[in-house]
Amino acid sequence: MQLIDVVAGIIQKEGKILLARRKPGSHLEGFWEFPGGKVETGETPEQALVRELAEEFSIRTRTGAFVAESVYDYGAKRIHLMAYFSTHLDGEIILDSHDKIQWVSVDEIEFFQLAPADIPLAQALKKSST
């Protein structure tokens, strides 16, 4: 089975981190995640994250340091998820692939039903913040 490269943004604001909930009818509907998407052919993960956040949220961002990665087999597909800190430069968040967002502290993330591939990222984030 092909391994799909996917990126996720750890967007921080005033000590909180952005989580987004997948909208009904989408893959993993109802699960919370660090927003992002697939890396397209010819893109670096950093470039893909800027593009995905623009497409999904209509915001302009700058990709920062690498945070963590995970590999998860969803059955129909297997993904390699790479998380980076991401700075929100401008634009109001407009939801496309999600139906809700929440700004949470690192300690509050564990109370959300995260997509399985995002769980190791949240664990690494918590470990690095202590």
Protein backbone atom coordinates (compact mmCIF):
# COMPACT_ATOMS: atom_id res chain seq x y z
CA MET A 1 0.00 0.00 0.00
CA GLN A 2 1.26 3.45 -0.93
CA LEU A 3 2.37 5.78 1.85
CA ILE A 4 0.81 9.25 1.46
CA ASP A 5 2.75 12.24 2.77
CA VAL A 6 0.52 14.60 4.75
CA VAL A 7 1.38 17.77 6.70
CA ALA A 8 -0.22 19.31 9.78
CA GLY A 9 0.14 22.80 11.19
CA ILE A 10 0.58 23.53 14.88
CA ILE A 11 -0.84 27.06 14.83
CA GLN A 12 -0.36 28.93 18.10
CA LYS A 13 -2.01 32.11 19.36
CA GLU A 14 -1.79 33.56 22.86
CA GLY A 15 -0.55 30.27 24.33
CA LYS A 16 -3.30 28.20 22.66
CA ILE A 17 -3.17 25.74 19.75
CA LEU A 18 -5.71 25.48 16.94
CA LEU A 19 -7.67 22.23 16.57
CA ALA A 20 -10.20 21.72 13.79
CA ARG A 21 -13.07 19.21 13.61
CA ARG A 22 -13.68 17.29 10.36
CA LYS A 23 -17.09 18.12 8.93
CA PRO A 24 -19.87 15.56 8.40
CA GLY A 25 -19.51 13.51 5.23
CA SER A 26 -15.71 13.77 5.19
CA HIS A 27 -13.12 11.09 5.96
CA LEU A 28 -12.79 10.95 9.78
CA GLU A 29 -15.88 13.13 10.28
CA GLY A 30 -16.22 14.38 13.84
CA PHE A 31 -12.56 13.81 14.71
CA TRP A 32 -10.37 16.74 15.71
CA GLU A 33 -7.01 17.33 14.05
CA PHE A 34 -4.16 19.70 13.53
CA PRO A 35 -5.15 21.20 10.15
CA GLY A 36 -3.23 20.49 6.96
CA GLY A 37 -3.37 18.10 4.04
CA LYS A 38 -1.57 16.11 1.36
CA VAL A 39 1.83 17.00 -0.02
CA GLU A 40 1.51 17.30 -3.80
CA THR A 41 4.17 16.17 -6.28
CA GLY A 42 7.00 18.71 -6.47
CA GLU A 43 6.18 20.39 -3.15
CA THR A 44 8.20 20.38 0.03
CA PRO A 45 6.19 19.63 3.19
CA GLU A 46 6.65 23.26 4.22
CA GLN A 47 5.21 24.53 0.92
CA ALA A 48 2.32 22.06 1.11
CA LEU A 49 1.37 23.29 4.57
CA VAL A 50 1.21 26.93 3.44
CA ARG A 51 -0.96 25.92 0.45
CA GLU A 52 -3.26 23.62 2.46
CA LEU A 53 -3.91 26.19 5.19
CA ALA A 54 -4.72 28.78 2.51
CA GLU A 55 -7.15 26.34 0.84
CA GLU A 56 -8.77 25.02 4.03
CA PHE A 57 -8.91 28.23 6.11
CA SER A 58 -8.26 31.13 3.70
CA ILE A 59 -5.31 32.29 5.81
CA ARG A 60 -1.73 33.16 4.96
CA THR A 61 0.88 31.34 7.07
CA ARG A 62 4.61 30.75 7.40
CA THR A 63 5.86 27.27 8.18
CA GLY A 64 8.31 27.02 11.05
CA ALA A 65 10.18 24.25 12.84
CA PHE A 66 9.40 20.55 12.51
CA VAL A 67 7.55 19.19 15.56
CA ALA A 68 6.96 15.45 15.11
CA GLU A 69 5.72 12.79 12.71
CA SER A 70 3.64 9.64 12.72
CA VAL A 71 2.72 6.85 10.34
CA TYR A 72 -0.82 5.49 10.54
CA ASP A 73 -2.67 2.83 8.55
CA TYR A 74 -6.32 3.79 8.10
CA GLY A 75 -7.03 0.59 6.15
CA ALA A 76 -7.95 2.21 2.84
CA LYS A 77 -4.86 4.42 3.04
CA ARG A 78 -1.62 4.72 4.97
CA ILE A 79 -0.30 8.17 5.82
CA HIS A 80 2.98 9.68 6.93
CA LEU A 81 1.93 12.76 8.91
CA MET A 82 4.50 15.49 9.52
CA ALA A 83 3.72 18.37 11.89
CA TYR A 84 5.32 21.82 11.82
CA PHE A 85 4.81 24.94 13.84
CA SER A 86 2.92 27.38 11.66
CA THR A 87 2.56 31.13 12.08
CA HIS A 88 -0.75 32.77 11.12
CA LEU A 89 0.31 35.90 9.23
CA ASP A 90 -3.07 37.27 8.13
CA GLY A 91 -6.61 36.49 7.06
CA GLU A 92 -9.74 35.55 8.98
CA ILE A 93 -10.29 31.81 9.30
CA ILE A 94 -13.04 30.58 6.96
CA LEU A 95 -13.92 26.89 7.35
CA ASP A 96 -13.99 24.58 4.32
CA SER A 97 -13.06 20.99 5.30
CA HIS A 98 -14.05 21.48 8.94
CA ASP A 99 -17.21 22.48 10.79
CA LYS A 100 -15.64 23.83 13.97
CA ILE A 101 -12.35 25.12 15.37
CA GLN A 102 -11.20 25.43 18.95
CA TRP A 103 -8.19 27.18 20.51
CA VAL A 104 -6.91 24.93 23.32
CA SER A 105 -3.95 24.67 25.67
CA VAL A 106 -1.51 21.78 25.22
CA ASP A 107 -2.99 20.15 28.33
CA GLU A 108 -6.55 20.38 26.96
CA ILE A 109 -5.78 18.53 23.70
CA GLU A 110 -6.19 15.13 25.39
CA PHE A 111 -9.90 15.92 26.01
CA PHE A 112 -10.63 16.02 22.26
CA GLN A 113 -11.24 12.96 20.08
CA LEU A 114 -8.19 13.32 17.85
CA ALA A 115 -7.76 11.57 14.53
CA PRO A 116 -5.54 8.53 15.24
CA ALA A 117 -2.55 9.84 13.24
CA ASP A 118 -2.64 13.11 15.22
CA ILE A 119 -2.36 11.46 18.65
CA PRO A 120 1.44 10.93 18.52
CA LEU A 121 1.84 14.56 17.41
CA ALA A 122 -0.15 15.77 20.42
CA GLN A 123 1.94 13.54 22.71
CA ALA A 124 5.19 14.95 21.27
CA LEU A 125 3.86 18.49 21.63
CA LYS A 126 2.94 17.89 25.26
CA LYS A 127 6.32 16.30 25.99
CA SER A 128 8.19 19.24 24.43
CA SER A 129 6.15 21.81 26.40
CA THR A 130 6.96 20.38 29.84
